[in-house]
N, C-alpha and C. Protein backbone atom coordinates (compact mmCIF):
# COMPACT_ATOMS: atom_id res chain seq x y z
N MET A 1 0.84 -1.18 0.00
CA MET A 1 0.00 0.00 0.00
C MET A 1 0.89 1.25 0.00
N LYS A 2 0.54 2.20 -0.82
CA LYS A 2 1.33 3.43 -0.92
C LYS A 2 1.10 4.33 0.29
N GLU A 3 2.18 4.96 0.71
CA GLU A 3 2.09 5.92 1.80
C GLU A 3 1.52 7.23 1.26
N ALA A 4 0.63 7.84 2.02
CA ALA A 4 0.01 9.10 1.58
C ALA A 4 1.04 10.22 1.56
N ARG A 5 0.93 11.05 0.58
CA ARG A 5 1.81 12.23 0.48
C ARG A 5 1.03 13.42 1.03
N ASN A 6 1.33 13.77 2.28
CA ASN A 6 0.57 14.80 2.97
C ASN A 6 1.30 16.13 3.11
N HIS A 7 2.56 16.19 2.72
CA HIS A 7 3.36 17.40 2.94
C HIS A 7 3.64 18.10 1.62
N LEU A 8 3.55 19.39 1.67
CA LEU A 8 3.80 20.22 0.50
C LEU A 8 5.06 21.03 0.73
N VAL A 9 5.96 21.02 -0.25
CA VAL A 9 7.19 21.80 -0.19
C VAL A 9 7.13 22.81 -1.33
N THR A 10 7.41 24.06 -1.01
CA THR A 10 7.35 25.13 -2.01
C THR A 10 8.70 25.79 -2.12
N PHE A 11 9.12 26.07 -3.35
CA PHE A 11 10.31 26.87 -3.58
C PHE A 11 10.09 27.70 -4.83
N ARG A 12 10.85 28.75 -4.95
CA ARG A 12 10.67 29.68 -6.06
C ARG A 12 11.73 29.46 -7.12
N LEU A 13 11.31 29.65 -8.38
CA LEU A 13 12.18 29.57 -9.54
C LEU A 13 12.06 30.85 -10.34
N THR A 14 13.14 31.20 -11.01
CA THR A 14 13.03 32.30 -11.98
C THR A 14 12.25 31.78 -13.18
N GLU A 15 11.82 32.67 -14.02
CA GLU A 15 11.07 32.27 -15.21
C GLU A 15 11.91 31.34 -16.09
N SER A 16 13.20 31.66 -16.24
CA SER A 16 14.05 30.82 -17.10
C SER A 16 14.29 29.45 -16.44
N GLU A 17 14.44 29.41 -15.12
CA GLU A 17 14.61 28.13 -14.43
C GLU A 17 13.36 27.26 -14.61
N TYR A 18 12.20 27.89 -14.49
CA TYR A 18 10.95 27.16 -14.64
C TYR A 18 10.80 26.60 -16.06
N ARG A 19 11.13 27.40 -17.05
CA ARG A 19 11.03 26.94 -18.44
C ARG A 19 11.97 25.75 -18.67
N ARG A 20 13.18 25.83 -18.13
CA ARG A 20 14.14 24.72 -18.28
C ARG A 20 13.62 23.45 -17.60
N LEU A 21 13.07 23.61 -16.40
CA LEU A 21 12.53 22.46 -15.68
C LEU A 21 11.35 21.85 -16.43
N LYS A 22 10.46 22.70 -16.88
CA LYS A 22 9.27 22.24 -17.61
C LYS A 22 9.67 21.51 -18.89
N ALA A 23 10.65 22.04 -19.60
CA ALA A 23 11.12 21.40 -20.84
C ALA A 23 11.75 20.04 -20.54
N ALA A 24 12.54 19.97 -19.48
CA ALA A 24 13.19 18.71 -19.12
C ALA A 24 12.15 17.66 -18.72
N CYS A 25 11.12 18.08 -18.02
CA CYS A 25 10.07 17.15 -17.60
C CYS A 25 9.23 16.70 -18.79
N GLY A 26 8.99 17.62 -19.71
CA GLY A 26 8.20 17.28 -20.90
C GLY A 26 8.92 16.30 -21.80
N ALA A 27 10.25 16.33 -21.76
CA ALA A 27 11.04 15.44 -22.62
C ALA A 27 10.78 13.98 -22.29
N ASP A 28 10.57 13.66 -21.01
CA ASP A 28 10.29 12.26 -20.66
C ASP A 28 8.87 12.07 -20.14
N ARG A 29 8.03 13.08 -20.35
CA ARG A 29 6.60 13.02 -20.00
C ARG A 29 6.34 12.80 -18.51
N SER A 30 7.20 13.32 -17.68
CA SER A 30 7.01 13.25 -16.24
C SER A 30 6.47 14.57 -15.73
N SER A 31 5.74 14.52 -14.62
CA SER A 31 5.26 15.76 -14.04
C SER A 31 6.42 16.45 -13.32
N ILE A 32 6.34 17.76 -13.23
CA ILE A 32 7.36 18.52 -12.51
C ILE A 32 7.45 18.02 -11.08
N SER A 33 6.32 17.77 -10.47
CA SER A 33 6.30 17.29 -9.09
C SER A 33 7.08 15.98 -8.94
N ASN A 34 6.85 15.03 -9.83
CA ASN A 34 7.54 13.74 -9.74
C ASN A 34 9.04 13.90 -9.95
N VAL A 35 9.43 14.70 -10.92
CA VAL A 35 10.85 14.88 -11.20
C VAL A 35 11.55 15.54 -10.01
N VAL A 36 10.96 16.60 -9.49
CA VAL A 36 11.58 17.30 -8.37
C VAL A 36 11.61 16.41 -7.13
N ARG A 37 10.52 15.70 -6.84
CA ARG A 37 10.48 14.81 -5.69
C ARG A 37 11.58 13.76 -5.79
N GLN A 38 11.70 13.09 -6.93
CA GLN A 38 12.71 12.06 -7.10
C GLN A 38 14.12 12.62 -6.95
N ASN A 39 14.37 13.78 -7.52
CA ASN A 39 15.70 14.38 -7.43
C ASN A 39 16.03 14.82 -6.01
N VAL A 40 15.08 15.38 -5.31
CA VAL A 40 15.31 15.80 -3.94
C VAL A 40 15.56 14.58 -3.05
N LEU A 41 14.75 13.54 -3.23
CA LEU A 41 14.93 12.34 -2.40
C LEU A 41 16.25 11.63 -2.72
N THR A 42 16.67 11.65 -3.97
CA THR A 42 17.97 11.09 -4.33
C THR A 42 19.08 11.87 -3.64
N TRP A 43 18.96 13.20 -3.62
CA TRP A 43 19.93 14.05 -2.93
C TRP A 43 19.94 13.74 -1.43
N VAL A 44 18.76 13.58 -0.83
CA VAL A 44 18.66 13.29 0.61
C VAL A 44 19.36 11.96 0.92
N ASP A 45 19.09 10.94 0.09
CA ASP A 45 19.72 9.64 0.31
C ASP A 45 21.24 9.75 0.19
N SER A 46 21.68 10.50 -0.80
CA SER A 46 23.11 10.68 -1.01
C SER A 46 23.75 11.41 0.18
N ALA A 47 23.08 12.45 0.65
CA ALA A 47 23.60 13.21 1.80
C ALA A 47 23.65 12.32 3.04
N SER A 48 22.65 11.48 3.21
CA SER A 48 22.61 10.57 4.35
C SER A 48 23.76 9.56 4.27
N GLU A 49 23.98 8.99 3.09
CA GLU A 49 25.07 8.04 2.91
C GLU A 49 26.42 8.72 3.16
N HIS A 50 26.55 9.96 2.71
CA HIS A 50 27.78 10.72 2.91
C HIS A 50 28.02 10.95 4.40
N SER A 51 26.97 11.26 5.13
CA SER A 51 27.08 11.49 6.57
C SER A 51 27.52 10.21 7.29
N VAL A 52 26.93 9.09 6.92
CA VAL A 52 27.30 7.80 7.53
C VAL A 52 28.75 7.48 7.22
N LEU A 53 29.16 7.72 5.99
CA LEU A 53 30.55 7.46 5.60
C LEU A 53 31.51 8.35 6.39
N ASN A 54 31.15 9.63 6.54
CA ASN A 54 32.00 10.54 7.33
C ASN A 54 32.11 10.09 8.77
N ASP A 55 31.00 9.64 9.35
CA ASP A 55 31.03 9.14 10.72
C ASP A 55 31.96 7.93 10.84
N ARG A 56 31.84 7.02 9.90
CA ARG A 56 32.67 5.81 9.93
C ARG A 56 34.15 6.16 9.75
N LEU A 57 34.44 7.07 8.83
CA LEU A 57 35.82 7.50 8.63
C LEU A 57 36.38 8.17 9.89
N GLY A 58 35.54 8.92 10.59
CA GLY A 58 35.95 9.53 11.85
C GLY A 58 36.30 8.49 12.89
N GLN A 59 35.49 7.43 12.95
CA GLN A 59 35.77 6.35 13.89
C GLN A 59 37.10 5.67 13.57
N ILE A 60 37.33 5.44 12.28
CA ILE A 60 38.58 4.81 11.85
C ILE A 60 39.76 5.70 12.20
N ALA A 61 39.63 7.00 11.95
CA ALA A 61 40.71 7.94 12.27
C ALA A 61 41.00 7.95 13.77
N ASP A 62 39.96 7.90 14.59
CA ASP A 62 40.16 7.84 16.04
C ASP A 62 40.92 6.59 16.45
N ARG A 63 40.55 5.46 15.87
CA ARG A 63 41.22 4.20 16.21
C ARG A 63 42.68 4.23 15.76
N LEU A 64 42.92 4.76 14.57
CA LEU A 64 44.30 4.85 14.09
C LEU A 64 45.12 5.77 14.98
N GLY A 65 44.51 6.86 15.41
CA GLY A 65 45.20 7.78 16.32
C GLY A 65 45.58 7.09 17.61
N HIS A 66 44.66 6.29 18.12
CA HIS A 66 44.92 5.54 19.36
C HIS A 66 46.07 4.55 19.15
N LEU A 67 46.06 3.86 18.01
CA LEU A 67 47.14 2.92 17.72
C LEU A 67 48.49 3.63 17.62
N VAL A 68 48.51 4.78 17.00
CA VAL A 68 49.75 5.55 16.88
C VAL A 68 50.25 5.94 18.27
N GLU A 69 49.34 6.37 19.14
CA GLU A 69 49.73 6.71 20.51
C GLU A 69 50.33 5.50 21.22
N LEU A 70 49.70 4.34 21.07
CA LEU A 70 50.21 3.12 21.71
C LEU A 70 51.60 2.76 21.18
N LEU A 71 51.78 2.87 19.88
CA LEU A 71 53.09 2.58 19.28
C LEU A 71 54.15 3.57 19.76
N ASN A 72 53.79 4.84 19.86
CA ASN A 72 54.73 5.85 20.35
C ASN A 72 55.11 5.58 21.80
N GLU A 73 54.14 5.20 22.62
CA GLU A 73 54.43 4.87 24.03
C GLU A 73 55.36 3.67 24.12
N ARG A 74 55.09 2.69 23.30
CA ARG A 74 55.92 1.48 23.30
C ARG A 74 57.35 1.80 22.89
N GLU A 75 57.47 2.68 21.89
CA GLU A 75 58.81 3.08 21.42
C GLU A 75 59.54 3.86 22.49
N ARG A 76 58.85 4.75 23.20
CA ARG A 76 59.48 5.54 24.26
C ARG A 76 59.92 4.67 25.45
N SER A 77 59.17 3.59 25.69
CA SER A 77 59.50 2.73 26.83
C SER A 77 60.57 1.71 26.47
N GLY A 78 61.04 1.78 25.23
CA GLY A 78 62.14 0.90 24.82
C GLY A 78 61.66 -0.46 24.37
N GLY A 79 60.34 -0.58 24.05
CA GLY A 79 59.79 -1.87 23.68
C GLY A 79 60.04 -2.19 22.28
C-alpha cells in the first residue's frame, strides 16, 4: 500500500529556471512534481550516505590515532 503524500514543499524559480525544468520534464513526459520529488529524495539519500561514511571514517581515524599513541608509548618505553 502506498504511503500518503501529505506534505507540500514550495520553492521559487526564476522564469528561465521554470522553463528549463518544464522542458526537461516534458522530454520524458514526467510531471514537474515527480521529477523534483525524485531528485530531492535522491539528494537526501546521497547526503545521508555521505554522513554515515563521514562518521565511519571519523571512527577509523580515532582508532588509528589511538594505535599511533600506543606505538609511540611502546617506542618511548624501549619496547
